[in-house]
């Protein structure tokens, strides 16, 4: 699966970033009961957090790009936690938080930036449940933050 996803990333003109280190008192991932829980990931563009409020100083397309970059970071965290992407069984759920203007109501369209990437990379295993919530602020002024729950296969015994 790792080689296939690497190929899909290349076809999409995307590069998997290095998994970001936590910025506070938590860990990036926890594997328990066949699930990998991934802490909220921010959107990075050339090492800089994409900031702004969607519907105020940034548009839906910017939000979708930010959501896609969060999803790339989620995949990087999966790879860092599991050693490869071969143990991914299914993307179970994405929690998408969008730094939104008070009257902005297109959170689902913004979240599609992440959802569509998961489908492109993982196929049917990328179909997931999702929440898309507007919030008044995010860490570091980020435009989007996404956390995830991933179903994983047991590690191979050597």
Protein backbone atom coordinates (compact mmCIF):
# COMPACT_ATOMS: atom_id res chain seq x y z
CA UNK A 1 0.00 0.00 0.00
CA UNK A 2 2.83 2.44 0.82
CA UNK A 3 4.19 2.30 -2.74
CA UNK A 4 0.71 2.78 -4.22
CA UNK A 5 0.07 5.83 -2.00
CA UNK A 6 3.49 7.27 -2.83
CA UNK A 7 2.60 6.88 -6.52
CA UNK A 8 -0.80 8.55 -6.02
CA UNK A 9 0.82 11.45 -4.16
CA UNK A 10 3.26 11.91 -7.03
CA UNK A 11 0.40 11.82 -9.58
CA UNK A 12 -1.39 14.53 -7.57
CA UNK A 13 1.78 16.61 -7.39
CA UNK A 14 1.86 16.32 -3.59
CA UNK A 15 4.65 15.46 -1.18
CA UNK A 16 4.23 13.85 2.21
CA UNK A 17 5.70 16.21 4.84
CA UNK A 18 7.69 15.20 7.88
CA UNK A 19 5.34 14.43 10.77
CA UNK A 20 5.04 17.54 12.94
CA UNK A 21 6.00 17.33 16.61
CA UNK A 22 3.32 18.20 19.19
CA UNK A 23 3.34 21.83 20.34
CA UNK A 24 2.07 21.21 23.89
CA UNK A 25 1.64 18.47 26.52
CA UNK A 26 0.25 15.65 24.37
CA UNK A 27 1.43 13.00 21.91
CA UNK A 28 0.78 13.04 18.18
CA UNK A 29 -0.73 9.54 18.07
CA UNK A 30 -2.06 6.82 20.34
CA UNK A 31 -2.67 3.28 19.11
CA UNK A 32 -5.22 1.37 21.20
CA UNK A 33 -7.73 -1.38 20.49
CA UNK A 34 -7.01 -1.59 16.77
CA UNK A 35 -7.40 2.16 16.31
CA UNK A 36 -4.84 4.89 15.77
CA UNK A 37 -6.02 8.19 17.23
CA UNK A 38 -4.25 11.18 15.70
CA UNK A 39 -4.17 14.54 17.46
CA UNK A 40 -5.27 17.63 15.58
CA UNK A 41 -2.97 18.52 12.71
CA UNK A 42 -2.45 22.00 11.30
CA UNK A 43 -1.99 22.98 7.64
CA UNK A 44 1.61 23.72 6.69
CA UNK A 45 2.70 25.32 3.43
CA UNK A 46 6.50 25.31 3.05
CA UNK A 47 6.89 24.93 6.82
CA UNK A 48 4.57 27.83 7.67
CA UNK A 49 1.09 27.40 9.19
CA UNK A 50 -1.69 28.52 6.85
CA UNK A 51 -3.61 31.11 8.85
CA UNK A 52 -6.80 33.11 8.45
CA UNK A 53 -10.54 32.97 8.94
CA UNK A 54 -12.57 31.32 6.19
CA UNK A 55 -15.42 33.54 5.03
CA UNK A 56 -13.70 36.63 6.38
CA UNK A 57 -10.17 37.08 5.01
CA UNK A 58 -9.85 33.71 3.23
CA UNK A 59 -12.14 31.94 0.75
CA UNK A 60 -13.43 28.37 0.46
CA UNK A 61 -10.66 27.35 -1.99
CA UNK A 62 -8.01 28.46 0.52
CA UNK A 63 -9.80 26.47 3.21
CA UNK A 64 -9.92 23.38 1.00
CA UNK A 65 -6.18 23.68 0.36
CA UNK A 66 -5.59 24.04 4.11
CA UNK A 67 -7.77 20.98 4.79
CA UNK A 68 -5.82 18.98 2.19
CA UNK A 69 -2.54 19.98 3.85
CA UNK A 70 -3.93 18.86 7.23
CA UNK A 71 -4.82 15.52 5.63
CA UNK A 72 -1.28 15.19 4.26
CA UNK A 73 0.02 15.74 7.79
CA UNK A 74 -2.39 13.09 9.09
CA UNK A 75 -0.95 10.61 6.58
CA UNK A 76 2.57 11.61 7.66
CA UNK A 77 1.59 10.95 11.29
CA UNK A 78 0.17 7.54 10.35
CA UNK A 79 3.41 6.62 8.59
CA UNK A 80 5.53 7.87 11.51
CA UNK A 81 3.44 5.97 14.07
CA UNK A 82 3.15 2.68 12.18
CA UNK A 83 6.42 2.68 10.22
CA UNK A 84 4.52 2.45 6.91
CA UNK A 85 1.01 2.81 5.58
CA UNK A 86 0.59 -0.93 5.03
CA UNK A 87 -1.29 -1.44 8.32
CA UNK A 88 -4.03 1.06 7.48
CA UNK A 89 -7.32 -0.81 7.26
CA UNK A 90 -9.68 2.16 7.05
CA UNK A 91 -9.93 5.87 7.66
CA UNK A 92 -12.72 5.78 10.25
CA UNK A 93 -13.39 9.42 11.12
CA UNK A 94 -12.09 12.92 10.51
CA UNK A 95 -12.88 15.77 12.87
CA UNK A 96 -12.49 19.00 10.89
CA UNK A 97 -12.34 22.34 12.67
CA UNK A 98 -12.55 25.44 10.47
CA UNK A 99 -11.60 28.91 11.68
CA UNK A 100 -14.76 30.56 10.36
CA UNK A 101 -16.47 33.92 10.19
CA UNK A 102 -19.65 33.92 12.32
CA UNK A 103 -21.96 33.80 9.28
CA UNK A 104 -19.91 31.26 7.27
CA UNK A 105 -21.86 28.04 6.62
CA UNK A 106 -19.74 26.16 4.03
CA UNK A 107 -17.69 24.09 6.48
CA UNK A 108 -18.57 20.82 4.67
CA UNK A 109 -17.13 22.16 1.40
CA UNK A 110 -13.91 23.18 3.17
CA UNK A 111 -13.64 19.75 4.83
CA UNK A 112 -13.93 18.11 1.40
CA UNK A 113 -10.32 19.16 0.80
CA UNK A 114 -9.30 16.49 3.33
CA UNK A 115 -12.01 13.93 2.55
CA UNK A 116 -11.29 13.90 -1.17
CA UNK A 117 -7.58 13.36 -0.54
CA UNK A 118 -8.30 10.38 1.73
CA UNK A 119 -10.47 8.86 -1.00
CA UNK A 120 -7.82 9.50 -3.65
CA UNK A 121 -5.07 7.90 -1.55
CA UNK A 122 -6.88 5.01 0.16
CA UNK A 123 -9.76 4.26 -2.22
CA UNK A 124 -12.81 2.73 -0.51
CA UNK A 125 -10.78 2.39 2.71
CA UNK A 126 -10.60 6.19 2.67
CA UNK A 127 -14.40 6.60 2.98
CA UNK A 128 -14.99 7.91 6.47
CA UNK A 129 -17.41 9.47 8.89
CA UNK A 130 -16.76 13.16 9.47
CA UNK A 131 -17.67 16.26 11.39
CA UNK A 132 -17.04 19.75 10.02
CA UNK A 133 -17.33 22.45 12.65
CA UNK A 134 -16.85 26.19 12.50
CA UNK A 135 -14.84 27.66 15.37
CA UNK A 136 -13.82 31.24 16.23
CA UNK A 137 -10.09 30.52 16.61
CA UNK A 138 -7.52 27.73 16.25
CA UNK A 139 -3.96 27.27 17.57
CA UNK A 140 -1.38 29.51 15.88
CA UNK A 141 -4.21 31.24 13.99
CA UNK A 142 -4.55 28.19 11.71
CA UNK A 143 -7.33 28.23 9.13
CA UNK A 144 -8.12 24.52 9.68
CA UNK A 145 -7.24 21.75 12.14
CA UNK A 146 -8.10 18.07 11.64
CA UNK A 147 -7.89 15.05 13.93
CA UNK A 148 -8.54 11.46 12.90
CA UNK A 149 -9.32 7.91 13.93
CA UNK A 150 -7.77 5.19 11.77
CA UNK A 151 -8.48 1.44 11.92
CA UNK A 152 -5.20 -0.47 11.77
CA UNK A 153 -4.29 -4.10 11.21
CA UNK A 154 -2.16 -5.79 13.85
CA UNK A 155 1.60 -5.48 13.44
CA UNK A 156 3.21 -8.47 11.74
CA UNK A 157 5.08 -10.76 14.10
CA UNK A 158 8.68 -11.25 13.02
